Amino acid sequence: MNFKIDGQDVKLKFGVRFCRELDKVYTVDYEGLEFGMGVNLAVMNLEQKNPVALANVIYAASAHKGFDSEDVDEAIEDYAEENGDLNKLFEKIKDELGKSSTVKATIEHFQANAKAE
């Protein structure tokens, strides 16, 4: 999937680096031990249509290009202005995450556990 950031069409990558970047944002502290829960918590927040989560995901997926979070925030705001809202972008991102061979199993496992509880 491509997304326009700072006037450039950027291929978003949902691989290992993506996961590392999300783990920096989304951590869980359990009895003094920190665990990266980036993909799981990002997916949960995307389901709630949280624009900050959307920005975190796009930032992580574009990390290979070196944009800062302000560039990504502005790109998302521009998208919302041009399209009236962010609904289609949320759906595209969730769809792309589901296709990623790197994170697909994590998402499926998380969703299965969420339904079981």
PDB file of N, CA and C in Angstrom:
ATOM      1  N   MET A   1       0.849  -1.178   0.000  1.00  0.00           N
ATOM      2  CA  MET A   1       0.000   0.000   0.000  1.00  0.00           C
ATOM      3  C   MET A   1       0.889   1.235   0.000  1.00  0.00           C
ATOM      4  N   ASN A   2       0.515   2.210  -0.808  1.00  0.00           N
ATOM      5  CA  ASN A   2       1.208   3.481  -0.830  1.00  0.00           C
ATOM      6  C   ASN A   2       0.378   4.531  -0.106  1.00  0.00           C
ATOM      7  N   PHE A   3       1.077   5.472   0.524  1.00  0.00           N
ATOM      8  CA  PHE A   3       0.431   6.579   1.233  1.00  0.00           C
ATOM      9  C   PHE A   3       1.279   7.819   1.018  1.00  0.00           C
ATOM     10  N   LYS A   4       0.642   8.933   0.735  1.00  0.00           N
ATOM     11  CA  LYS A   4       1.368  10.164   0.443  1.00  0.00           C
ATOM     12  C   LYS A   4       1.774  10.865   1.743  1.00  0.00           C
ATOM     13  N   ILE A   5       3.095  10.996   1.923  1.00  0.00           N
ATOM     14  CA  ILE A   5       3.662  11.693   3.082  1.00  0.00           C
ATOM     15  C   ILE A   5       4.626  12.741   2.556  1.00  0.00           C
ATOM     16  N   ASP A   6       4.432  13.975   3.000  1.00  0.00           N
ATOM     17  CA  ASP A   6       5.310  15.076   2.613  1.00  0.00           C
ATOM     18  C   ASP A   6       5.472  15.148   1.093  1.00  0.00           C
ATOM     19  N   GLY A   7       4.365  14.926   0.375  1.00  0.00           N
ATOM     20  CA  GLY A   7       4.372  15.018  -1.071  1.00  0.00           C
ATOM     21  C   GLY A   7       4.939  13.816  -1.807  1.00  0.00           C
ATOM     22  N   GLN A   8       5.312  12.776  -1.068  1.00  0.00           N
ATOM     23  CA  GLN A   8       5.897  11.581  -1.683  1.00  0.00           C
ATOM     24  C   GLN A   8       4.966  10.387  -1.518  1.00  0.00           C
ATOM     25  N   ASP A   9       4.848   9.582  -2.571  1.00  0.00           N
ATOM     26  CA  ASP A   9       4.124   8.314  -2.462  1.00  0.00           C
ATOM     27  C   ASP A   9       5.058   7.316  -1.784  1.00  0.00           C
ATOM     28  N   VAL A  10       4.693   6.880  -0.607  1.00  0.00           N
ATOM     29  CA  VAL A  10       5.544   6.011   0.198  1.00  0.00           C
ATOM     30  C   VAL A  10       4.911   4.628   0.297  1.00  0.00           C
ATOM     31  N   LYS A  11       5.683   3.594  -0.014  1.00  0.00           N
ATOM     32  CA  LYS A  11       5.213   2.220   0.166  1.00  0.00           C
ATOM     33  C   LYS A  11       5.296   1.891   1.650  1.00  0.00           C
ATOM     34  N   LEU A  12       4.166   1.601   2.246  1.00  0.00           N
ATOM     35  CA  LEU A  12       4.143   1.228   3.656  1.00  0.00           C
ATOM     36  C   LEU A  12       4.525  -0.240   3.780  1.00  0.00           C
ATOM     37  N   LYS A  13       5.434  -0.523   4.712  1.00  0.00           N
ATOM     38  CA  LYS A  13       5.921  -1.886   4.913  1.00  0.00           C
ATOM     39  C   LYS A  13       5.507  -2.365   6.305  1.00  0.00           C
ATOM     40  N   PHE A  14       4.893  -3.533   6.342  1.00  0.00           N
ATOM     41  CA  PHE A  14       4.393  -4.104   7.583  1.00  0.00           C
ATOM     42  C   PHE A  14       5.220  -5.335   7.956  1.00  0.00           C
ATOM     43  N   GLY A  15       6.510  -5.123   8.148  1.00  0.00           N
ATOM     44  CA  GLY A  15       7.437  -6.205   8.448  1.00  0.00           C
ATOM     45  C   GLY A  15       7.976  -6.125   9.869  1.00  0.00           C
ATOM     46  N   VAL A  16       9.153  -6.659  10.056  1.00  0.00           N
ATOM     47  CA  VAL A  16       9.760  -6.714  11.390  1.00  0.00           C
ATOM     48  C   VAL A  16      10.062  -5.312  11.919  1.00  0.00           C
ATOM     49  N   ARG A  17      10.616  -4.439  11.070  1.00  0.00           N
ATOM     50  CA  ARG A  17      10.899  -3.079  11.536  1.00  0.00           C
ATOM     51  C   ARG A  17       9.613  -2.387  11.983  1.00  0.00           C
ATOM     52  N   PHE A  18       8.549  -2.610  11.252  1.00  0.00           N
ATOM     53  CA  PHE A  18       7.236  -2.091  11.622  1.00  0.00           C
ATOM     54  C   PHE A  18       6.873  -2.538  13.042  1.00  0.00           C
ATOM     55  N   CYS A  19       7.053  -3.823  13.318  1.00  0.00           N
ATOM     56  CA  CYS A  19       6.739  -4.365  14.644  1.00  0.00           C
ATOM     57  C   CYS A  19       7.612  -3.727  15.726  1.00  0.00           C
ATOM     58  N   ARG A  20       8.897  -3.580  15.443  1.00  0.00           N
ATOM     59  CA  ARG A  20       9.808  -2.953  16.414  1.00  0.00           C
ATOM     60  C   ARG A  20       9.379  -1.530  16.741  1.00  0.00           C
ATOM     61  N   GLU A  21       9.012  -0.787  15.718  1.00  0.00           N
ATOM     62  CA  GLU A  21       8.595   0.598  15.935  1.00  0.00           C
ATOM     63  C   GLU A  21       7.315   0.655  16.769  1.00  0.00           C
ATOM     64  N   LEU A  22       6.356  -0.212  16.490  1.00  0.00           N
ATOM     65  CA  LEU A  22       5.121  -0.223  17.280  1.00  0.00           C
ATOM     66  C   LEU A  22       5.381  -0.660  18.717  1.00  0.00           C
ATOM     67  N   ASP A  23       6.311  -1.594  18.906  1.00  0.00           N
ATOM     68  CA  ASP A  23       6.638  -2.042  20.264  1.00  0.00           C
ATOM     69  C   ASP A  23       7.231  -0.919  21.107  1.00  0.00           C
ATOM     70  N   LYS A  24       7.844   0.064  20.470  1.00  0.00           N
ATOM     71  CA  LYS A  24       8.371   1.222  21.203  1.00  0.00           C
ATOM     72  C   LYS A  24       7.241   2.092  21.750  1.00  0.00           C
ATOM     73  N   VAL A  25       6.113   2.092  21.047  1.00  0.00           N
ATOM     74  CA  VAL A  25       4.974   2.920  21.426  1.00  0.00           C
ATOM     75  C   VAL A  25       4.049   2.185  22.391  1.00  0.00           C
ATOM     76  N   TYR A  26       3.812   0.924  22.106  1.00  0.00           N
ATOM     77  CA  TYR A  26       2.838   0.137  22.872  1.00  0.00           C
ATOM     78  C   TYR A  26       3.552  -0.931  23.693  1.00  0.00           C
ATOM     79  N   THR A  27       3.742  -0.642  24.958  1.00  0.00           N
ATOM     80  CA  THR A  27       4.345  -1.622  25.856  1.00  0.00           C
ATOM     81  C   THR A  27       3.408  -1.882  27.029  1.00  0.00           C
ATOM     82  N   VAL A  28       3.560  -3.038  27.612  1.00  0.00           N
ATOM     83  CA  VAL A  28       2.795  -3.417  28.792  1.00  0.00           C
ATOM     84  C   VAL A  28       3.797  -3.756  29.876  1.00  0.00           C
ATOM     85  N   ASP A  29       3.567  -3.211  31.058  1.00  0.00           N
ATOM     86  CA  ASP A  29       4.426  -3.500  32.208  1.00  0.00           C
ATOM     87  C   ASP A  29       3.721  -4.545  33.063  1.00  0.00           C
ATOM     88  N   TYR A  30       4.354  -5.695  33.199  1.00  0.00           N
ATOM     89  CA  TYR A  30       3.792  -6.768  34.020  1.00  0.00           C
ATOM     90  C   TYR A  30       4.803  -7.110  35.099  1.00  0.00           C
ATOM     91  N   GLU A  31       4.491  -6.713  36.311  1.00  0.00           N
ATOM     92  CA  GLU A  31       5.346  -6.976  37.467  1.00  0.00           C
ATOM     93  C   GLU A  31       6.788  -6.546  37.213  1.00  0.00           C
ATOM     94  N   GLY A  32       6.933  -5.355  36.641  1.00  0.00           N
ATOM     95  CA  GLY A  32       8.257  -4.799  36.423  1.00  0.00           C
ATOM     96  C   GLY A  32       8.928  -5.210  35.118  1.00  0.00           C
ATOM     97  N   LEU A  33       8.322  -6.111  34.383  1.00  0.00           N
ATOM     98  CA  LEU A  33       8.866  -6.517  33.085  1.00  0.00           C
ATOM     99  C   LEU A  33       8.047  -5.858  31.986  1.00  0.00           C
ATOM    100  N   GLU A  34       8.743  -5.233  31.037  1.00  0.00           N
ATOM    101  CA  GLU A  34       8.051  -4.596  29.925  1.00  0.00           C
ATOM    102  C   GLU A  34       8.020  -5.520  28.719  1.00  0.00           C
ATOM    103  N   PHE A  35       6.858  -5.599  28.117  1.00  0.00           N
ATOM    104  CA  PHE A  35       6.663  -6.408  26.923  1.00  0.00           C
ATOM    105  C   PHE A  35       6.135  -5.525  25.805  1.00  0.00           C
ATOM    106  N   GLY A  36       6.692  -5.677  24.621  1.00  0.00           N
ATOM    107  CA  GLY A  36       6.167  -4.977  23.463  1.00  0.00           C
ATOM    108  C   GLY A  36       4.881  -5.642  23.007  1.00  0.00           C
ATOM    109  N   MET A  37       3.849  -4.864  22.906  1.00  0.00           N
ATOM    110  CA  MET A  37       2.541  -5.361  22.460  1.00  0.00           C
ATOM    111  C   MET A  37       2.037  -4.527  21.292  1.00  0.00           C
ATOM    112  N   GLY A  38       2.981  -4.052  20.478  1.00  0.00           N
ATOM    113  CA  GLY A  38       2.675  -3.088  19.436  1.00  0.00           C
ATOM    114  C   GLY A  38       1.583  -3.482  18.475  1.00  0.00           C
ATOM    115  N   VAL A  39       1.730  -4.615  17.831  1.00  0.00           N
ATOM    116  CA  VAL A  39       0.750  -5.018  16.823  1.00  0.00           C
ATOM    117  C   VAL A  39      -0.612  -5.238  17.477  1.00  0.00           C
ATOM    118  N   ASN A  40      -0.646  -5.935  18.585  1.00  0.00           N
ATOM    119  CA  ASN A  40      -1.917  -6.241  19.250  1.00  0.00           C
ATOM    120  C   ASN A  40      -2.666  -4.980  19.672  1.00  0.00           C
ATOM    121  N   LEU A  41      -1.965  -4.070  20.353  1.00  0.00           N
ATOM    122  CA  LEU A  41      -2.631  -2.866  20.840  1.00  0.00           C
ATOM    123  C   LEU A  41      -2.960  -1.907  19.698  1.00  0.00           C
ATOM    124  N   ALA A  42      -2.126  -1.882  18.673  1.00  0.00           N
ATOM    125  CA  ALA A  42      -2.432  -1.042  17.520  1.00  0.00           C
ATOM    126  C   ALA A  42      -3.704  -1.531  16.824  1.00  0.00           C
ATOM    127  N   VAL A  43      -3.826  -2.838  16.635  1.00  0.00           N
ATOM    128  CA  VAL A  43      -5.021  -3.397  15.991  1.00  0.00           C
ATOM    129  C   VAL A  43      -6.268  -3.073  16.813  1.00  0.00           C
ATOM    130  N   MET A  44      -6.168  -3.228  18.116  1.00  0.00           N
ATOM    131  CA  MET A  44      -7.298  -2.924  18.990  1.00  0.00           C
ATOM    132  C   MET A  44      -7.714  -1.458  18.841  1.00  0.00           C
ATOM    133  N   ASN A  45      -6.737  -0.554  18.815  1.00  0.00           N
ATOM    134  CA  ASN A  45      -7.034   0.870  18.684  1.00  0.00           C
ATOM    135  C   ASN A  45      -7.525   1.235  17.284  1.00  0.00           C
ATOM    136  N   LEU A  46      -7.052   0.537  16.263  1.00  0.00           N
ATOM    137  CA  LEU A  46      -7.564   0.776  14.912  1.00  0.00           C
ATOM    138  C   LEU A  46      -9.039   0.396  14.822  1.00  0.00           C
ATOM    139  N   GLU A  47      -9.417  -0.677  15.498  1.00  0.00           N
ATOM    140  CA  GLU A  47     -10.827  -1.098  15.505  1.00  0.00           C
ATOM    141  C   GLU A  47     -11.709  -0.014  16.118  1.00  0.00           C
ATOM    142  N   GLN A  48     -11.148   0.762  17.024  1.00  0.00           N
ATOM    143  CA  GLN A  48     -11.894   1.847  17.661  1.00  0.00           C
ATOM    144  C   GLN A  48     -11.784   3.150  16.881  1.00  0.00           C
ATOM    145  N   LYS A  49     -11.130   3.081  15.712  1.00  0.00           N
ATOM    146  CA  LYS A  49     -10.940   4.228  14.817  1.00  0.00           C
ATOM    147  C   LYS A  49     -10.225   5.380  15.528  1.00  0.00           C
ATOM    148  N   ASN A  50      -9.187   5.020  16.256  1.00  0.00           N
ATOM    149  CA  ASN A  50      -8.378   5.999  16.968  1.00  0.00           C
ATOM    150  C   ASN A  50      -7.366   6.610  16.002  1.00  0.00           C
ATOM    151  N   PRO A  51      -7.450   7.925  15.733  1.00  0.00           N
ATOM    152  CA  PRO A  51      -6.534   8.534  14.770  1.00  0.00           C
ATOM    153  C   PRO A  51      -5.073   8.518  15.222  1.00  0.00           C
ATOM    154  N   VAL A  52      -4.823   8.529  16.515  1.00  0.00           N
ATOM    155  CA  VAL A  52      -3.436   8.448  16.992  1.00  0.00           C
ATOM    156  C   VAL A  52      -2.863   7.068  16.683  1.00  0.00           C
ATOM    157  N   ALA A  53      -3.665   6.034  16.845  1.00  0.00           N
ATOM    158  CA  ALA A  53      -3.214   4.688  16.492  1.00  0.00           C
ATOM    159  C   ALA A  53      -2.941   4.602  15.003  1.00  0.00           C
ATOM    160  N   LEU A  54      -3.791   5.210  14.199  1.00  0.00           N
ATOM    161  CA  LEU A  54      -3.579   5.235  12.757  1.00  0.00           C
ATOM    162  C   LEU A  54      -2.242   5.902  12.436  1.00  0.00           C
ATOM    163  N   ALA A  55      -1.964   7.013  13.097  1.00  0.00           N
ATOM    164  CA  ALA A  55      -0.696   7.719  12.894  1.00  0.00           C
ATOM    165  C   ALA A  55       0.479   6.848  13.326  1.00  0.00           C
ATOM    166  N   ASN A  56       0.341   6.151  14.456  1.00  0.00           N
ATOM    167  CA  ASN A  56       1.416   5.276  14.929  1.00  0.00           C
ATOM    168  C   ASN A  56       1.705   4.153  13.936  1.00  0.00           C
ATOM    169  N   VAL A  57       0.655   3.577  13.384  1.00  0.00           N
ATOM    170  CA  VAL A  57       0.813   2.484  12.431  1.00  0.00           C
ATOM    171  C   VAL A  57       1.471   2.979  11.146  1.00  0.00           C
ATOM    172  N   ILE A  58       1.008   4.096  10.630  1.00  0.00           N
ATOM    173  CA  ILE A  58       1.596   4.620   9.398  1.00  0.00           C
ATOM    174  C   ILE A  58       3.033   5.064   9.632  1.00  0.00           C
ATOM    175  N   TYR A  59       3.291   5.672  10.776  1.00  0.00           N
ATOM    176  CA  TYR A  59       4.662   6.068  11.112  1.00  0.00           C
ATOM    177  C   TYR A  59       5.576   4.838  11.137  1.00  0.00           C
ATOM    178  N   ALA A  60       5.133   3.785  11.811  1.00  0.00           N
ATOM    179  CA  ALA A  60       5.937   2.561  11.905  1.00  0.00           C
ATOM    180  C   ALA A  60       6.132   1.920  10.538  1.00  0.00           C
ATOM    181  N   ALA A  61       5.096   1.951   9.709  1.00  0.00           N
ATOM    182  CA  ALA A  61       5.169   1.333   8.385  1.00  0.00           C
ATOM    183  C   ALA A  61       6.004   2.147   7.396  1.00  0.00           C
ATOM    184  N   SER A  62       6.254   3.407   7.729  1.00  0.00           N
ATOM    185  CA  SER A  62       7.074   4.261   6.861  1.00  0.00           C
ATOM    186  C   SER A  62       8.438   4.552   7.476  1.00  0.00           C
ATOM    187  N   ALA A  63       8.776   3.859   8.561  1.00  0.00           N
ATOM    188  CA  ALA A  63      10.042   4.112   9.274  1.00  0.00           C
ATOM    189  C   ALA A  63      11.254   3.954   8.370  1.00  0.00           C
ATOM    190  N   HIS A  64      11.166   3.085   7.400  1.00  0.00           N
ATOM    191  CA  HIS A  64      12.284   2.859   6.480  1.00  0.00           C
ATOM    192  C   HIS A  64      12.593   4.091   5.635  1.00  0.00           C
ATOM    193  N   LYS A  65      11.693   5.065   5.599  1.00  0.00           N
ATOM    194  CA  LYS A  65      11.896   6.286   4.818  1.00  0.00           C
ATOM    195  C   LYS A  65      12.333   7.471   5.675  1.00  0.00           C
ATOM    196  N   GLY A  66      12.269   7.341   6.997  1.00  0.00           N
ATOM    197  CA  GLY A  66      12.801   8.370   7.883  1.00  0.00           C
ATOM    198  C   GLY A  66      11.922   9.589   8.124  1.00  0.00           C
ATOM    199  N   PHE A  67      10.633   9.497   7.872  1.00  0.00           N
ATOM    200  CA  PHE A  67       9.745  10.620   8.174  1.00  0.00           C
ATOM    201  C   PHE A  67       9.570  10.747   9.670  1.00  0.00           C
ATOM    202  N   ASP A  68       9.299  11.958  10.138  1.00  0.00           N
ATOM    203  CA  ASP A  68       9.016  12.099  11.562  1.00  0.00           C
ATOM    204  C   ASP A  68       7.503  12.053  11.786  1.00  0.00           C
ATOM    205  N   SER A  69       7.113  11.981  13.039  1.00  0.00           N
ATOM    206  CA  SER A  69       5.691  11.820  13.360  1.00  0.00           C
ATOM    207  C   SER A  69       4.873  13.023  12.905  1.00  0.00           C
ATOM    208  N   GLU A  70       5.474  14.212  12.887  1.00  0.00           N
ATOM    209  CA  GLU A  70       4.745  15.391  12.426  1.00  0.00           C
ATOM    210  C   GLU A  70       4.401  15.288  10.942  1.00  0.00           C
ATOM    211  N   ASP A  71       5.325  14.731  10.144  1.00  0.00           N
ATOM    212  CA  ASP A  71       5.048  14.525   8.717  1.00  0.00           C
ATOM    213  C   ASP A  71       3.861  13.585   8.541  1.00  0.00           C
ATOM    214  N   VAL A  72       3.841  12.516   9.325  1.00  0.00           N
ATOM    215  CA  VAL A  72       2.760  11.530   9.229  1.00  0.00           C
ATOM    216  C   VAL A  72       1.444  12.136   9.697  1.00  0.00           C
ATOM    217  N   ASP A  73       1.475  12.867  10.811  1.00  0.00           N
ATOM    218  CA  ASP A  73       0.252  13.508  11.308  1.00  0.00           C
ATOM    219  C   ASP A  73      -0.338  14.433  10.250  1.00  0.00           C
ATOM    220  N   GLU A  74       0.510  15.235   9.631  1.00  0.00           N
ATOM    221  CA  GLU A  74       0.046  16.165   8.599  1.00  0.00           C
ATOM    222  C   GLU A  74      -0.521  15.426   7.391  1.00  0.00           C
ATOM    223  N   ALA A  75       0.118  14.322   7.016  1.00  0.00           N
ATOM    224  CA  ALA A  75      -0.374  13.534   5.885  1.00  0.00           C
ATOM    225  C   ALA A  75      -1.756  12.954   6.179  1.00  0.00           C
ATOM    226  N   ILE A  76      -1.968  12.505   7.397  1.00  0.00           N
ATOM    227  CA  ILE A  76      -3.269  11.951   7.785  1.00  0.00           C
ATOM    228  C   ILE A  76      -4.327  13.053   7.797  1.00  0.00           C
ATOM    229  N   GLU A  77      -3.972  14.210   8.324  1.00  0.00           N
ATOM    230  CA  GLU A  77      -4.914  15.331   8.331  1.00  0.00           C
ATOM    231  C   GLU A  77      -5.262  15.751   6.902  1.00  0.00           C
ATOM    232  N   ASP A  78      -4.263  15.784   6.016  1.00  0.00           N
ATOM    233  CA  ASP A  78      -4.517  16.110   4.609  1.00  0.00           C
ATOM    234  C   ASP A  78      -5.462  15.080   3.980  1.00  0.00           C
ATOM    235  N   TYR A  79      -5.221  13.794   4.274  1.00  0.00           N
ATOM    236  CA  TYR A  79      -6.085  12.733   3.750  1.00  0.00           C
ATOM    237  C   TYR A  79      -7.522  12.947   4.226  1.00  0.00           C
ATOM    238  N   ALA A  80      -7.689  13.252   5.509  1.00  0.00           N
ATOM    239  CA  ALA A  80      -9.030  13.453   6.066  1.00  0.00           C
ATOM    240  C   ALA A  80      -9.727  14.627   5.384  1.00  0.00           C
ATOM    241  N   GLU A  81      -8.992  15.698   5.151  1.00  0.00           N
ATOM    242  CA  GLU A  81      -9.572  16.867   4.472  1.00  0.00           C
ATOM    243  C   GLU A  81      -9.988  16.528   3.045  1.00  0.00           C
ATOM    244  N   GLU A  82      -9.139  15.802   2.342  1.00  0.00           N
ATOM    245  CA  GLU A  82      -9.408  15.464   0.944  1.00  0.00           C
ATOM    246  C   GLU A  82     -10.537  14.454   0.791  1.00  0.00           C
ATOM    247  N   ASN A  83     -10.724  13.580   1.790  1.00  0.00           N
ATOM    248  CA  ASN A  83     -11.687  12.488   1.687  1.00  0.00           C
ATOM    249  C   ASN A  83     -12.898  12.626   2.606  1.00  0.00           C
ATOM    250  N   GLY A  84     -12.937  13.667   3.391  1.00  0.00           N
ATOM    251  CA  GLY A  84     -14.078  13.900   4.268  1.00  0.00           C
ATOM    252  C   GLY A  84     -13.982  13.228   5.624  1.00  0.00           C
ATOM    253  N   ASP A  85     -13.212  12.172   5.724  1.00  0.00           N
ATOM    254  CA  ASP A  85     -12.982  11.483   6.990  1.00  0.00           C
ATOM    255  C   ASP A  85     -11.855  10.475   6.804  1.00  0.00           C
ATOM    256  N   LEU A  86     -11.635   9.657   7.820  1.00  0.00           N
ATOM    257  CA  LEU A  86     -10.545   8.667   7.782  1.00  0.00           C
ATOM    258  C   LEU A  86     -11.044   7.236   7.638  1.00  0.00           C
ATOM    259  N   ASN A  87     -12.336   7.038   7.463  1.00  0.00           N
ATOM    260  CA  ASN A  87     -12.894   5.682   7.451  1.00  0.00           C
ATOM    261  C   ASN A  87     -12.236   4.766   6.419  1.00  0.00           C
ATOM    262  N   LYS A  88     -12.076   5.233   5.191  1.00  0.00           N
ATOM    263  CA  LYS A  88     -11.468   4.395   4.155  1.00  0.00           C
ATOM    264  C   LYS A  88     -10.012   4.080   4.477  1.00  0.00           C
ATOM    265  N   LEU A  89      -9.313   5.051   5.041  1.00  0.00           N
ATOM    266  CA  LEU A  89      -7.913   4.821   5.394  1.00  0.00           C
ATOM    267  C   LEU A  89      -7.798   3.777   6.502  1.00  0.00           C
ATOM    268  N   PHE A  90      -8.666   3.844   7.493  1.00  0.00           N
ATOM    269  CA  PHE A  90      -8.669   2.807   8.540  1.00  0.00           C
ATOM    270  C   PHE A  90      -8.860   1.429   7.918  1.00  0.00           C
ATOM    271  N   GLU A  91      -9.818   1.313   7.013  1.00  0.00           N
ATOM    272  CA  GLU A  91     -10.108   0.019   6.384  1.00  0.00           C
ATOM    273  C   GLU A  91      -8.940  -0.469   5.536  1.00  0.00           C
ATOM    274  N   LYS A  92      -8.330   0.426   4.774  1.00  0.00           N
ATOM    275  CA  LYS A  92      -7.180   0.040   3.942  1.00  0.00           C
ATOM    276  C   LYS A  92      -6.029  -0.460   4.812  1.00  0.00           C
ATOM    277  N   ILE A  93      -5.752   0.249   5.887  1.00  0.00           N
ATOM    278  CA  ILE A  93      -4.651  -0.142   6.772  1.00  0.00           C
ATOM    279  C   ILE A  93      -4.944  -1.498   7.416  1.00  0.00           C
ATOM    280  N   LYS A  94      -6.156  -1.686   7.916  1.00  0.00           N
ATOM    281  CA  LYS A  94      -6.500  -2.979   8.525  1.00  0.00           C
ATOM    282  C   LYS A  94      -6.407  -4.107   7.506  1.00  0.00           C
ATOM    283  N   ASP A  95      -6.825  -3.845   6.284  1.00  0.00           N
ATOM    284  CA  ASP A  95      -6.744  -4.833   5.212  1.00  0.00           C
ATOM    285  C   ASP A  95      -5.279  -5.194   4.923  1.00  0.00           C
ATOM    286  N   GLU A  96      -4.432  -4.199   4.818  1.00  0.00           N
ATOM    287  CA  GLU A  96      -3.011  -4.441   4.544  1.00  0.00           C
ATOM    288  C   GLU A  96      -2.345  -5.205   5.688  1.00  0.00           C
ATOM    289  N   LEU A  97      -2.690  -4.882   6.909  1.00  0.00           N
ATOM    290  CA  LEU A  97      -2.136  -5.621   8.048  1.00  0.00           C
ATOM    291  C   LEU A  97      -2.510  -7.098   7.963  1.00  0.00           C
ATOM    292  N   GLY A  98      -3.743  -7.375   7.587  1.00  0.00           N
ATOM    293  CA  GLY A  98      -4.207  -8.752   7.455  1.00  0.00           C
ATOM    294  C   GLY A  98      -3.517  -9.529   6.349  1.00  0.00           C
ATOM    295  N   LYS A  99      -2.953  -8.820   5.373  1.00  0.00           N
ATOM    296  CA  LYS A  99      -2.246  -9.458   4.266  1.00  0.00           C
ATOM    297  C   LYS A  99      -0.762  -9.683   4.563  1.00  0.00           C
ATOM    298  N   SER A 100      -0.232  -8.993   5.550  1.00  0.00           N
ATOM    299  CA  SER A 100       1.202  -9.060   5.832  1.00  0.00           C
ATOM    300  C   SER A 100       1.601 -10.429   6.369  1.00  0.00           C
ATOM    301  N   SER A 101       2.498 -11.086   5.674  1.00  0.00           N
ATOM    302  CA  SER A 101       2.951 -12.400   6.129  1.00  0.00           C
ATOM    303  C   SER A 101       3.693 -12.305   7.460  1.00  0.00           C
ATOM    304  N   THR A 102       4.190 -11.134   7.801  1.00  0.00           N
ATOM    305  CA  THR A 102       4.928 -10.955   9.057  1.00  0.00           C
ATOM    306  C   THR A 102       3.995 -10.835  10.257  1.00  0.00           C
ATOM    307  N   VAL A 103       2.901 -10.117  10.124  1.00  0.00           N
ATOM    308  CA  VAL A 103       2.039  -9.859  11.291  1.00  0.00           C
ATOM    309  C   VAL A 103       0.695 -10.577  11.243  1.00  0.00           C
ATOM    310  N   LYS A 104       0.397 -11.233  10.147  1.00  0.00           N
ATOM    311  CA  LYS A 104      -0.900 -11.894   9.983  1.00  0.00           C
ATOM    312  C   LYS A 104      -1.206 -12.871  11.125  1.00  0.00           C
ATOM    313  N   ALA A 105      -0.256 -13.717  11.455  1.00  0.00           N
ATOM    314  CA  ALA A 105      -0.487 -14.714  12.511  1.00  0.00           C
ATOM    315  C   ALA A 105      -0.703 -14.041  13.875  1.00  0.00           C
ATOM    316  N   THR A 106       0.025 -12.972  14.136  1.00  0.00           N
ATOM    317  CA  THR A 106      -0.131 -12.238  15.398  1.00  0.00           C
ATOM    318  C   THR A 106      -1.540 -11.677  15.507  1.00  0.00           C
ATOM    319  N   ILE A 107      -2.005 -11.082  14.424  1.00  0.00           N
ATOM    320  CA  ILE A 107      -3.349 -10.499  14.428  1.00  0.00           C
ATOM    321  C   ILE A 107      -4.411 -11.578  14.591  1.00  0.00           C
ATOM    322  N   GLU A 108      -4.285 -12.671  13.867  1.00  0.00           N
ATOM    323  CA  GLU A 108      -5.263 -13.758  13.966  1.00  0.00           C
ATOM    324  C   GLU A 108      -5.299 -14.337  15.374  1.00  0.00           C
ATOM    325  N   HIS A 109      -4.133 -14.526  15.968  1.00  0.00           N
ATOM    326  CA  HIS A 109      -4.051 -15.057  17.334  1.00  0.00           C
ATOM    327  C   HIS A 109      -4.698 -14.091  18.327  1.00  0.00           C
ATOM    328  N   PHE A 110      -4.383 -12.831  18.191  1.00  0.00           N
ATOM    329  CA  PHE A 110      -4.947 -11.807  19.082  1.00  0.00           C
ATOM    330  C   PHE A 110      -6.467 -11.771  18.959  1.00  0.00           C
ATOM    331  N   GLN A 111      -6.978 -11.761  17.741  1.00  0.00           N
ATOM    332  CA  GLN A 111      -8.421 -11.693  17.524  1.00  0.00           C
ATOM    333  C   GLN A 111      -9.130 -12.946  18.035  1.00  0.00           C
ATOM    334  N   ALA A 112      -8.508 -14.099  17.860  1.00  0.00           N
ATOM    335  CA  ALA A 112      -9.111 -15.345  18.361  1.00  0.00           C
ATOM    336  C   ALA A 112      -9.188 -15.324  19.884  1.00  0.00           C
ATOM    337  N   ASN A 113      -8.138 -14.851  20.532  1.00  0.00           N
ATOM    338  CA  ASN A 113      -8.127 -14.771  21.995  1.00  0.00           C
ATOM    339  C   ASN A 113      -9.124 -13.733  22.493  1.00  0.00           C
ATOM    340  N   ALA A 114      -9.271 -12.638  21.781  1.00  0.00           N
ATOM    341  CA  ALA A 114     -10.210 -11.596  22.179  1.00  0.00           C
ATOM    342  C   ALA A 114     -11.642 -12.105  22.102  1.00  0.00           C
ATOM    343  N   LYS A 115     -11.945 -12.913  21.089  1.00  0.00           N
ATOM    344  CA  LYS A 115     -13.294 -13.467  20.949  1.00  0.00           C
ATOM    345  C   LYS A 115     -13.572 -14.505  22.026  1.00  0.00           C
ATOM    346  N   ALA A 116     -12.540 -15.248  22.412  1.00  0.00           N
ATOM    347  CA  ALA A 116     -12.702 -16.302  23.408  1.00  0.00           C
ATOM    348  C   ALA A 116     -13.009 -15.720  24.793  1.00  0.00           C
ATOM    349  N   GLU A 117     -12.491 -14.525  25.040  1.00  0.00           N
ATOM    350  CA  GLU A 117     -12.697 -13.898  26.362  1.00  0.00           C
ATOM    351  C   GLU A 117     -13.946 -13.128  26.308  1.00  0.00           C
TER     352      GLU A 117
END
